Structure formats: structure tokens, C-alpha cells
Amino acid sequence: VRRQQKIALRRQQSAIASAKKRERRETLRKLDRKNHLPKFIDRALNLRQQQLSPDEQRLQLTHDERQLDLSAPQTICGRPTAIGTLQDFNLLRQYSQKPTCPGTNPQTSNNVNSDENNPPKSLLLLDGGKARGRTGNNLVEFLHALQYSRDHDIRLGVMTGSWAMRVLLKMWMAIDLENEEEWVARFEEAFCLKIFRNEEELVAAGYTRDKISRMDTKELFWYVSSEPLEEYMSSQAEDLRVLWRGYNTGMGVDSSGEVVNDMCSGINAVFGNGEDKSEVVYSVIHSRSLEGEPGYRLLSNVSKHSGCDPVAALEMRPEYIKSILKPLGMLQHPIVFITDGQSFEVLQRLLTDPDIGPLIRLVPEEASWIGGDMTLGLMSNVFIGN
């Protein structure tokens, strides 16, 4: 009976999700998306450029324009976030009060007095469609690009068709077709960067080839900031807060023109039946095999340096899970299982365990995707990762 009820519930959720997708597609058809989208960024950037004064065009943003209301609690998918200790809060406040974007301060920048007669000197440009690794690595690479820009006081530019845009817009800050110029301005100001569409725009802005620097994504991944650790943590924490203030909710499109998914899909599907999402206490198990044998080699290497178990985080056996959750008092709360689908035996072992099995909750297939799973893990009370 339980199995039939679960099947019926999943079918109902699938029908609702399909109806929402059809509604969004119909909205986009009315906007004639296929013809509209390729012209969208051009028009938006042109409108934005016409509205800016020369000073604003250099994006020398004042403190008042960038200041954040750090006292307001940030919520994600209806669940409150914890900013951490008072020390963390003070570091975040200190960073948010920096007055200008990198490469725009005439007193310290290598882009001093950048105007028509004296164009900017250099730009770190993120372009190309290929990036090292998967989503997690790509996010690290983008965050490191922002950090490199600050460390070296150099302007950061992003091409519209780059790997960075592809990764970010699928999960955060989706393109709003109804407020195009506002989207461009919001994106540029949020990350203190400049969007470029083509080579001609770079040249028009004064960035000839000899003034443009590029870093391979592998270089970005391994970049180590020279800033003191506390300042580095402060700036990275702010970047993450900016990112999650703009998480996608199923409205808007990504860089390829596809309707974005809802980052809250997992939380809504698992805890959407009368449970208070803001109050529910739950754990997440992230089971990922890392393609089998390579995963065991990787964890074995980590074990040699850290002393951790060489297989436990891959096999996720019930005893391992209980040894973590029991001392925390979490064996009386739901356990959400997310996975790459490569090791079904992990789930089988957990479901047959008398203590863990009844607590396991699975994400419906139609609601499971990398962004929804990521948010489930991020907002959990206890996260057991691979």
C-alpha cells in the first residue's frame, strides 16, 4: 500500500511539474523566444550604455550603491541561513564596505584615468566554452577569477557565450526577458565585472589583444590568493551570498535560451506535503561513486594524508551513517538520499537497515537535478558528503 501511495504521489508531482513547464514554454512562445533571444543581450547592453554617465560607464561604484543590508536574514527556498559567528559577520561587513570594483579605482588601479584619450590598460577575460572538471570545479574557477581580479586590481570581463555564463545562469541569476537592461546592470554590478558580446566590443572599450589576459580554467582552479586568510574568507563569503541572493526559481532563461529549473525543486518535492520547510530538520547523504575505481584511488590518496577511512565515504554503509547521525540526535529525523545513480547497492543497504530505512526519503526523478540536489544539501542540518 505504501509503495502504491508513493507511486501515486510521484505521478501527481510529475503531472504538476509538467503543467508548470508547459505554462513556461507557452509564455516563451508568446515572446517568440527563438527570434527574440539572440537580439536580447545586444539590446539590453545598448540600452544600459545609453543610460550611463561617463563615470558610471567606468563602473566606479560608490559604497552606498554596493552596501548590503547584512542585518537582514538571508533565506533560501524558505529556509533561514546562518551567517555563522560574530567574527564571520564582522569580516563580511568589512568586505562589503570596499568602495569600488577592481580595476576602476583611479588611485590604485592599473586602469588609471581610463577614458577615450587614455583607454584602460588590462582586462582578465573569461571566454571559451570549455572548462576543467564539472560544476563544483567550475564554481571554484569562477570564484577564483573574482578573487584574482581583486588581488591584482584588474578589471574582470566575461563573454556572453563563455563557460562561466553557462554554469552560472543555469542555477543563478537567470536572464529576465521582461527586464533585459535591468538584468545586465544587476549582473555586472553584483560581481563587479563587465559583460562583452564580441571582439568588436572589447576593442571599442579600449581592450586590444595585447591588453587582454586569459587564464586557463586549470590555472584558475589552482590559484592561491596572497591575501591574509581572514580577508580571503570574507571576500569569498560575500561572493557566495551574492550568488545565492539570485538563485533561480524556474523563471527566466539561461545563456542558451532554455527555461531554467527551480533550485528549490528538491526541497519542495521532498518537504512539500504540509511540512514547514523553514522548521523541518533533516540530513542529506550524497552518494557518489566517482566512476568506480577512480573514486577509490582518489579517496585512498586522501586517506594517506588525512587518516580518514579509505572506503567509508564511498560505500556509505549503515554503520558509518549511524556513527555520524546518532551522536547528533538525527536518527529521529528524515534522511534525504541524493546520488549520481552509479551505485544502487548503497541505497539498497540503507533501505534494508531497520534504523535508517524508515527515515530515507528519495527525490522524485522529475525534481532531481544538480541544482535542486545542491540546494537540498546546502540547506540540510547535517550533510554527509562523499
Protein backbone atom coordinates (compact mmCIF):
# COMPACT_ATOMS: atom_id res chain seq x y z
CA VAL A 1 0.00 0.00 0.00
CA ARG A 2 2.82 2.38 0.86
CA ARG A 3 4.50 1.66 -2.45
CA GLN A 4 1.28 2.35 -4.35
CA GLN A 5 0.79 5.58 -2.42
CA LYS A 6 4.34 6.70 -3.24
CA ILE A 7 3.84 5.86 -6.92
CA ALA A 8 0.56 7.81 -6.99
CA LEU A 9 2.22 10.78 -5.25
CA ARG A 10 5.14 10.81 -7.67
CA ARG A 11 2.76 10.69 -10.63
CA GLN A 12 0.84 13.62 -9.20
CA GLN A 13 4.04 15.61 -8.63
CA SER A 14 5.20 14.76 -12.14
CA ALA A 15 1.90 15.97 -13.60
CA ILE A 16 2.17 19.26 -11.69
CA ALA A 17 5.79 19.77 -12.79
CA SER A 18 4.87 19.03 -16.42
CA ALA A 19 1.99 21.51 -16.28
CA LYS A 20 4.32 24.22 -14.97
CA LYS A 21 6.85 23.51 -17.73
CA ARG A 22 4.13 23.71 -20.37
CA GLU A 23 2.99 27.03 -18.92
CA ARG A 24 6.52 28.45 -19.04
CA ARG A 25 7.05 27.21 -22.59
CA GLU A 26 3.79 28.82 -23.69
CA THR A 27 4.91 32.11 -22.14
CA LEU A 28 8.18 31.94 -24.05
CA ARG A 29 6.40 31.10 -27.28
CA LYS A 30 4.34 34.26 -26.87
CA LEU A 31 7.58 36.18 -26.57
CA ASP A 32 8.83 34.48 -29.74
CA ARG A 33 11.93 33.38 -27.83
CA LYS A 34 13.84 31.92 -30.78
CA ASN A 35 13.85 35.23 -32.61
CA HIS A 36 13.95 37.37 -29.51
CA LEU A 37 16.78 35.89 -27.51
CA PRO A 38 19.77 36.35 -29.89
CA LYS A 39 18.95 40.08 -30.02
CA PHE A 40 18.20 40.35 -26.32
CA ILE A 41 21.68 40.89 -24.85
CA ASP A 42 22.64 43.33 -27.64
CA ARG A 43 19.58 45.49 -26.99
CA ALA A 44 19.91 45.26 -23.23
CA LEU A 45 23.56 46.31 -23.22
CA ASN A 46 22.89 49.14 -25.66
CA LEU A 47 20.04 50.47 -23.51
CA ARG A 48 22.22 50.25 -20.43
CA GLN A 49 25.09 52.08 -22.15
CA GLN A 50 22.81 54.91 -23.23
CA GLN A 51 21.60 55.45 -19.68
CA LEU A 52 25.04 55.61 -18.03
CA SER A 53 27.10 58.70 -17.43
CA PRO A 54 30.83 58.57 -18.30
CA ASP A 55 31.67 57.97 -14.62
CA GLU A 56 29.14 55.17 -14.37
CA GLN A 57 30.49 53.63 -17.55
CA ARG A 58 33.78 53.10 -15.72
CA LEU A 59 31.70 51.35 -13.04
CA GLN A 60 33.36 53.22 -10.19
CA LEU A 61 30.53 52.24 -7.86
CA THR A 62 30.19 54.06 -4.56
CA HIS A 63 29.86 52.38 -1.21
CA ASP A 64 26.20 53.39 -1.00
CA GLU A 65 25.45 51.60 -4.29
CA ARG A 66 27.07 48.35 -3.18
CA GLN A 67 26.30 48.36 0.56
CA LEU A 68 24.37 45.31 1.73
CA ASP A 69 21.80 45.02 4.49
CA LEU A 70 23.80 42.46 6.41
CA SER A 71 21.38 42.56 9.34
CA ALA A 72 18.57 41.09 7.21
CA PRO A 73 18.50 37.29 7.40
CA GLN A 74 19.03 35.56 4.09
CA THR A 75 16.63 32.74 3.28
CA ILE A 76 16.92 30.08 0.59
CA CYS A 77 13.82 28.19 -0.51
CA GLY A 78 12.01 29.31 2.63
CA ARG A 79 14.75 28.10 4.98
CA PRO A 80 16.83 30.57 7.00
CA THR A 81 20.59 30.60 6.64
CA ALA A 82 23.07 31.06 9.47
CA ILE A 83 25.78 33.59 8.81
CA GLY A 84 27.98 31.99 11.49
CA THR A 85 29.94 33.59 14.31
CA LEU A 86 30.12 37.29 15.16
CA GLN A 87 33.66 37.24 13.74
CA ASP A 88 32.32 35.96 10.40
CA PHE A 89 29.72 38.74 10.40
CA ASN A 90 32.30 41.45 11.05
CA LEU A 91 34.55 40.12 8.29
CA LEU A 92 31.63 40.14 5.87
CA ARG A 93 30.71 43.70 6.83
CA GLN A 94 34.32 44.81 6.38
CA TYR A 95 34.48 43.39 2.88
CA SER A 96 31.09 44.77 1.79
CA GLN A 97 32.27 48.30 2.61
CA LYS A 98 35.01 48.32 -0.03
CA PRO A 99 34.03 51.29 -2.22
CA THR A 100 34.92 50.35 -5.79
CA CYS A 101 35.16 47.45 -8.20
CA PRO A 102 38.62 46.07 -9.12
CA GLY A 103 40.26 47.95 -11.96
CA THR A 104 38.12 51.07 -11.50
CA ASN A 105 39.90 52.92 -8.71
CA PRO A 106 41.92 55.74 -10.33
CA GLN A 107 44.32 55.91 -7.36
CA THR A 108 45.39 52.26 -7.27
CA SER A 109 44.25 50.61 -10.49
CA ASN A 110 46.37 49.69 -13.47
CA ASN A 111 43.44 51.21 -15.40
CA VAL A 112 44.18 54.75 -14.24
CA ASN A 113 42.15 57.52 -15.92
CA SER A 114 40.53 55.14 -18.37
CA ASP A 115 38.68 57.32 -20.86
CA GLU A 116 38.61 57.88 -24.64
CA ASN A 117 42.01 59.54 -24.64
CA ASN A 118 43.60 57.09 -22.22
CA PRO A 119 41.89 53.67 -22.51
CA PRO A 120 42.08 51.00 -19.77
CA LYS A 121 45.30 49.05 -19.66
CA SER A 122 44.34 45.46 -18.97
CA LEU A 123 41.48 43.01 -18.57
CA LEU A 124 41.19 39.44 -17.30
CA LEU A 125 38.77 37.82 -19.74
CA LEU A 126 36.74 34.66 -19.18
CA ASP A 127 35.83 33.21 -22.57
CA GLY A 128 35.63 29.89 -24.39
CA GLY A 129 33.14 27.11 -23.87
CA LYS A 130 35.38 24.51 -22.24
CA ALA A 131 36.24 24.38 -18.54
CA ARG A 132 38.14 21.99 -16.29
CA GLY A 133 36.06 19.49 -14.36
CA ARG A 134 32.39 19.55 -13.51
CA THR A 135 30.04 22.02 -11.86
CA GLY A 136 31.80 22.10 -8.48
CA ASN A 137 35.17 22.76 -10.07
CA ASN A 138 33.69 25.37 -12.42
CA LEU A 139 32.24 27.30 -9.50
CA VAL A 140 35.64 27.27 -7.80
CA GLU A 141 37.19 28.58 -11.02
CA PHE A 142 34.71 31.46 -11.26
CA LEU A 143 35.16 32.37 -7.58
CA HIS A 144 38.93 32.31 -8.05
CA ALA A 145 38.61 34.59 -11.09
CA LEU A 146 36.76 37.11 -8.93
CA GLN A 147 39.46 36.78 -6.28
CA TYR A 148 42.29 37.18 -8.81
CA SER A 149 40.59 40.34 -10.09
CA ARG A 150 40.54 41.80 -6.57
CA ASP A 151 44.03 40.66 -5.63
CA HIS A 152 45.57 42.28 -8.73
CA ASP A 153 43.12 45.19 -9.05
CA ILE A 154 42.38 44.23 -12.63
CA ARG A 155 39.08 44.51 -14.48
CA LEU A 156 37.22 41.21 -14.96
CA GLY A 157 35.34 40.60 -18.21
CA VAL A 158 33.04 37.76 -19.21
CA MET A 159 31.99 36.82 -22.73
CA THR A 160 28.30 36.02 -23.15
CA GLY A 161 28.99 32.57 -24.61
CA SER A 162 31.66 31.56 -22.09
CA TRP A 163 31.74 28.56 -19.75
CA ALA A 164 31.21 30.93 -16.82
CA MET A 165 27.88 32.18 -18.16
CA ARG A 166 26.79 28.64 -18.99
CA VAL A 167 27.49 27.36 -15.47
CA LEU A 168 26.11 30.34 -13.55
CA LEU A 169 22.87 31.07 -15.39
CA LYS A 170 21.59 27.51 -15.15
CA MET A 171 21.36 27.92 -11.38
CA TRP A 172 21.63 31.60 -10.53
CA MET A 173 20.60 34.99 -11.93
CA ALA A 174 18.62 33.72 -14.93
CA ILE A 175 18.00 36.15 -17.78
CA ASP A 176 14.78 38.10 -17.28
CA LEU A 177 13.31 38.66 -20.74
CA GLU A 178 10.85 41.26 -19.48
CA ASN A 179 13.52 43.45 -17.81
CA GLU A 180 16.51 42.95 -20.05
CA GLU A 181 18.54 46.09 -19.34
CA GLU A 182 18.00 45.67 -15.60
CA TRP A 183 19.33 42.11 -15.76
CA VAL A 184 22.58 43.23 -17.43
CA ALA A 185 23.10 46.01 -14.91
CA ARG A 186 22.28 43.73 -11.98
CA PHE A 187 24.68 41.01 -13.13
CA GLU A 188 27.57 43.41 -13.79
CA GLU A 189 27.16 45.26 -10.52
CA ALA A 190 26.63 42.11 -8.45
CA PHE A 191 30.01 40.64 -9.43
CA CYS A 192 31.91 43.85 -10.29
CA LEU A 193 32.61 42.71 -13.84
CA LYS A 194 31.82 43.67 -17.42
CA ILE A 195 29.88 41.62 -19.97
CA PHE A 196 31.16 41.55 -23.55
CA ARG A 197 29.43 40.07 -26.59
CA ASN A 198 32.22 40.03 -29.17
CA GLU A 199 35.72 41.16 -30.15
CA GLU A 200 34.43 44.47 -31.50
CA GLU A 201 33.05 45.44 -28.09
CA LEU A 202 36.38 44.67 -26.44
CA VAL A 203 38.23 46.91 -28.91
CA ALA A 204 35.63 49.66 -28.55
CA ALA A 205 36.18 49.60 -24.78
CA GLY A 206 39.93 50.00 -25.29
CA TYR A 207 40.88 46.37 -24.72
CA THR A 208 43.05 45.40 -27.67
CA ARG A 209 44.57 41.91 -27.77
CA ASP A 210 47.80 42.96 -26.09
CA LYS A 211 45.81 44.33 -23.14
CA ILE A 212 43.72 41.22 -22.56
CA SER A 213 44.96 38.44 -20.32
CA ARG A 214 43.42 34.98 -20.11
CA MET A 215 43.86 32.21 -17.57
CA ASP A 216 43.19 28.58 -18.31
CA THR A 217 40.48 27.16 -16.04
CA LYS A 218 43.06 24.78 -14.60
CA GLU A 219 45.14 27.81 -13.58
CA LEU A 220 42.09 29.42 -12.03
CA PHE A 221 41.24 26.24 -10.13
CA TRP A 222 44.69 26.08 -8.52
CA TYR A 223 45.04 29.82 -7.96
CA VAL A 224 46.03 30.66 -4.36
CA SER A 225 45.37 34.19 -3.15
CA SER A 226 48.16 36.07 -1.41
CA GLU A 227 45.65 37.90 0.78
CA PRO A 228 45.52 37.12 4.53
CA LEU A 229 43.25 34.18 5.23
CA GLU A 230 40.60 36.23 7.04
CA GLU A 231 40.30 38.70 4.15
CA TYR A 232 40.15 35.85 1.64
CA MET A 233 37.39 34.14 3.61
CA SER A 234 35.50 37.40 3.88
CA SER A 235 35.55 38.09 0.15
CA GLN A 236 34.63 34.53 -0.80
CA ALA A 237 31.77 34.53 1.72
CA GLU A 238 30.40 37.68 0.13
CA ASP A 239 30.63 36.17 -3.37
CA LEU A 240 28.61 33.17 -2.20
CA ARG A 241 25.99 35.40 -0.58
CA VAL A 242 25.67 37.39 -3.83
CA LEU A 243 25.29 34.15 -5.78
CA TRP A 244 22.57 32.76 -3.52
CA ARG A 245 20.63 36.01 -3.36
CA GLY A 246 19.88 35.36 -7.03
CA TYR A 247 19.10 31.62 -7.09
CA ASN A 248 16.77 30.55 -9.92
CA THR A 249 13.14 29.75 -9.18
CA GLY A 250 12.08 28.41 -12.58
CA MET A 251 11.56 31.82 -14.20
CA GLY A 252 13.78 33.20 -16.95
CA VAL A 253 16.23 31.54 -19.31
CA ASP A 254 19.88 30.53 -19.32
CA SER A 255 22.63 31.54 -21.76
CA SER A 256 21.36 29.12 -24.40
CA GLY A 257 17.78 30.35 -24.17
CA GLU A 258 16.41 27.35 -22.29
CA VAL A 259 13.93 27.85 -19.45
CA VAL A 260 15.79 27.42 -16.16
CA ASN A 261 14.92 24.89 -13.49
CA ASP A 262 13.88 25.74 -9.95
CA MET A 263 16.71 25.45 -7.42
CA CYS A 264 14.05 24.69 -4.78
CA SER A 265 12.62 21.74 -6.72
CA GLY A 266 14.21 19.13 -4.44
CA ILE A 267 13.20 20.79 -1.17
CA ASN A 268 9.68 21.45 -2.46
CA ALA A 269 9.26 17.86 -3.67
CA VAL A 270 10.57 16.19 -0.50
CA PHE A 271 9.01 18.54 2.06
CA GLY A 272 6.08 19.94 0.13
CA ASN A 273 3.24 17.94 1.68
CA GLY A 274 2.22 20.06 4.61
CA GLU A 275 5.62 20.14 6.31
CA ASP A 276 7.03 23.51 7.33
CA LYS A 277 10.14 23.85 5.19
CA SER A 278 11.52 26.56 7.45
CA GLU A 279 11.35 24.31 10.53
CA VAL A 280 11.92 20.77 9.26
CA VAL A 281 15.12 19.12 10.50
CA TYR A 282 16.80 16.71 8.08
CA SER A 283 20.07 15.14 6.97
CA VAL A 284 21.38 14.58 3.45
CA ILE A 285 23.52 11.70 2.24
CA HIS A 286 25.33 12.43 -1.01
CA SER A 287 26.28 9.10 -2.56
CA ARG A 288 28.67 9.47 -5.47
CA SER A 289 30.87 6.69 -6.80
CA LEU A 290 33.24 8.94 -8.77
CA GLU A 291 33.14 6.47 -11.67
CA GLY A 292 34.03 3.41 -9.61
CA GLU A 293 37.72 2.54 -9.40
CA PRO A 294 39.00 6.12 -9.90
CA GLY A 295 36.93 7.13 -6.87
CA TYR A 296 38.55 4.51 -4.66
CA ARG A 297 42.02 5.60 -5.82
CA LEU A 298 41.20 9.23 -5.05
CA LEU A 299 39.83 8.51 -1.57
CA SER A 300 42.74 6.19 -0.83
CA ASN A 301 45.14 9.02 -1.63
CA VAL A 302 43.18 11.40 0.62
CA SER A 303 43.27 8.76 3.37
CA LYS A 304 47.06 8.61 3.32
CA HIS A 305 47.29 12.32 4.10
CA SER A 306 44.29 12.76 6.41
CA GLY A 307 43.91 9.43 8.17
CA CYS A 308 40.26 9.09 7.12
CA ASP A 309 38.76 5.73 6.21
CA PRO A 310 39.75 4.78 2.63
CA VAL A 311 36.31 3.48 1.57
CA ALA A 312 33.60 4.60 4.05
CA ALA A 313 32.64 7.84 2.28
CA LEU A 314 32.10 5.94 -0.97
CA GLU A 315 30.30 2.88 0.38
CA MET A 316 28.08 4.78 2.85
CA ARG A 317 27.30 1.66 4.90
CA PRO A 318 24.60 1.93 7.58
CA GLU A 319 27.08 1.67 10.47
CA TYR A 320 29.06 4.59 9.08
CA ILE A 321 25.94 6.75 8.69
CA LYS A 322 24.66 5.89 12.17
CA SER A 323 28.03 6.64 13.75
CA ILE A 324 27.65 10.21 12.46
CA LEU A 325 23.93 10.81 12.96
CA LYS A 326 23.30 9.13 16.31
CA PRO A 327 25.56 11.40 18.44
CA LEU A 328 23.88 14.39 16.81
CA GLY A 329 20.38 13.17 17.65
CA MET A 330 19.49 12.95 13.95
CA LEU A 331 18.22 9.35 13.85
CA GLN A 332 14.73 10.62 14.54
CA HIS A 333 14.57 12.97 11.55
CA PRO A 334 14.26 12.46 7.77
CA ILE A 335 17.34 11.44 5.78
CA VAL A 336 17.30 12.60 2.16
CA PHE A 337 19.33 10.49 -0.25
CA ILE A 338 20.84 12.14 -3.33
CA THR A 339 23.07 10.26 -5.74
CA ASP A 340 24.75 10.17 -9.14
CA GLY A 341 22.92 6.88 -9.77
CA GLN A 342 26.07 4.81 -10.22
CA SER A 343 25.89 2.69 -7.04
CA PHE A 344 22.36 1.44 -6.41
CA GLU A 345 23.62 -1.06 -3.83
CA VAL A 346 24.39 1.86 -1.46
CA LEU A 347 20.70 2.78 -1.36
CA GLN A 348 19.65 -0.87 -1.02
CA ARG A 349 21.79 -1.33 2.09
CA LEU A 350 20.39 1.81 3.71
CA LEU A 351 16.76 0.95 2.92
CA THR A 352 17.07 -2.51 4.49
CA ASP A 353 18.60 -1.17 7.70
CA PRO A 354 15.94 -1.14 10.48
CA ASP A 355 17.09 2.21 11.90
CA ILE A 356 17.83 4.13 8.72
CA GLY A 357 15.41 2.59 6.22
CA PRO A 358 12.20 4.17 7.60
CA LEU A 359 13.84 7.61 7.60
CA ILE A 360 15.05 7.57 3.98
CA ARG A 361 13.37 9.99 1.57
CA LEU A 362 14.10 9.98 -2.16
CA VAL A 363 13.90 12.94 -4.51
CA PRO A 364 11.33 12.31 -7.28
CA GLU A 365 13.00 11.87 -10.63
CA GLU A 366 11.32 14.92 -12.16
CA ALA A 367 12.60 17.12 -9.32
CA SER A 368 16.14 15.73 -9.18
CA TRP A 369 18.84 17.70 -10.98
CA ILE A 370 22.20 19.09 -9.96
CA GLY A 371 20.88 22.48 -8.78
CA GLY A 372 17.97 21.05 -6.79
CA ASP A 373 20.20 18.42 -5.19
CA MET A 374 22.83 21.04 -4.38
CA THR A 375 20.26 23.19 -2.59
CA LEU A 376 18.95 20.21 -0.63
CA GLY A 377 22.46 19.51 0.62
CA LEU A 378 23.27 23.14 1.30
CA MET A 379 20.18 23.75 3.41
CA SER A 380 20.30 20.48 5.37
CA ASN A 381 21.06 20.38 9.11
CA VAL A 382 23.61 17.59 8.60
CA PHE A 383 25.32 16.84 5.29
CA ILE A 384 27.25 13.60 4.77
CA GLY A 385 29.26 14.01 1.57
CA ASN A 386 31.46 11.72 -0.40
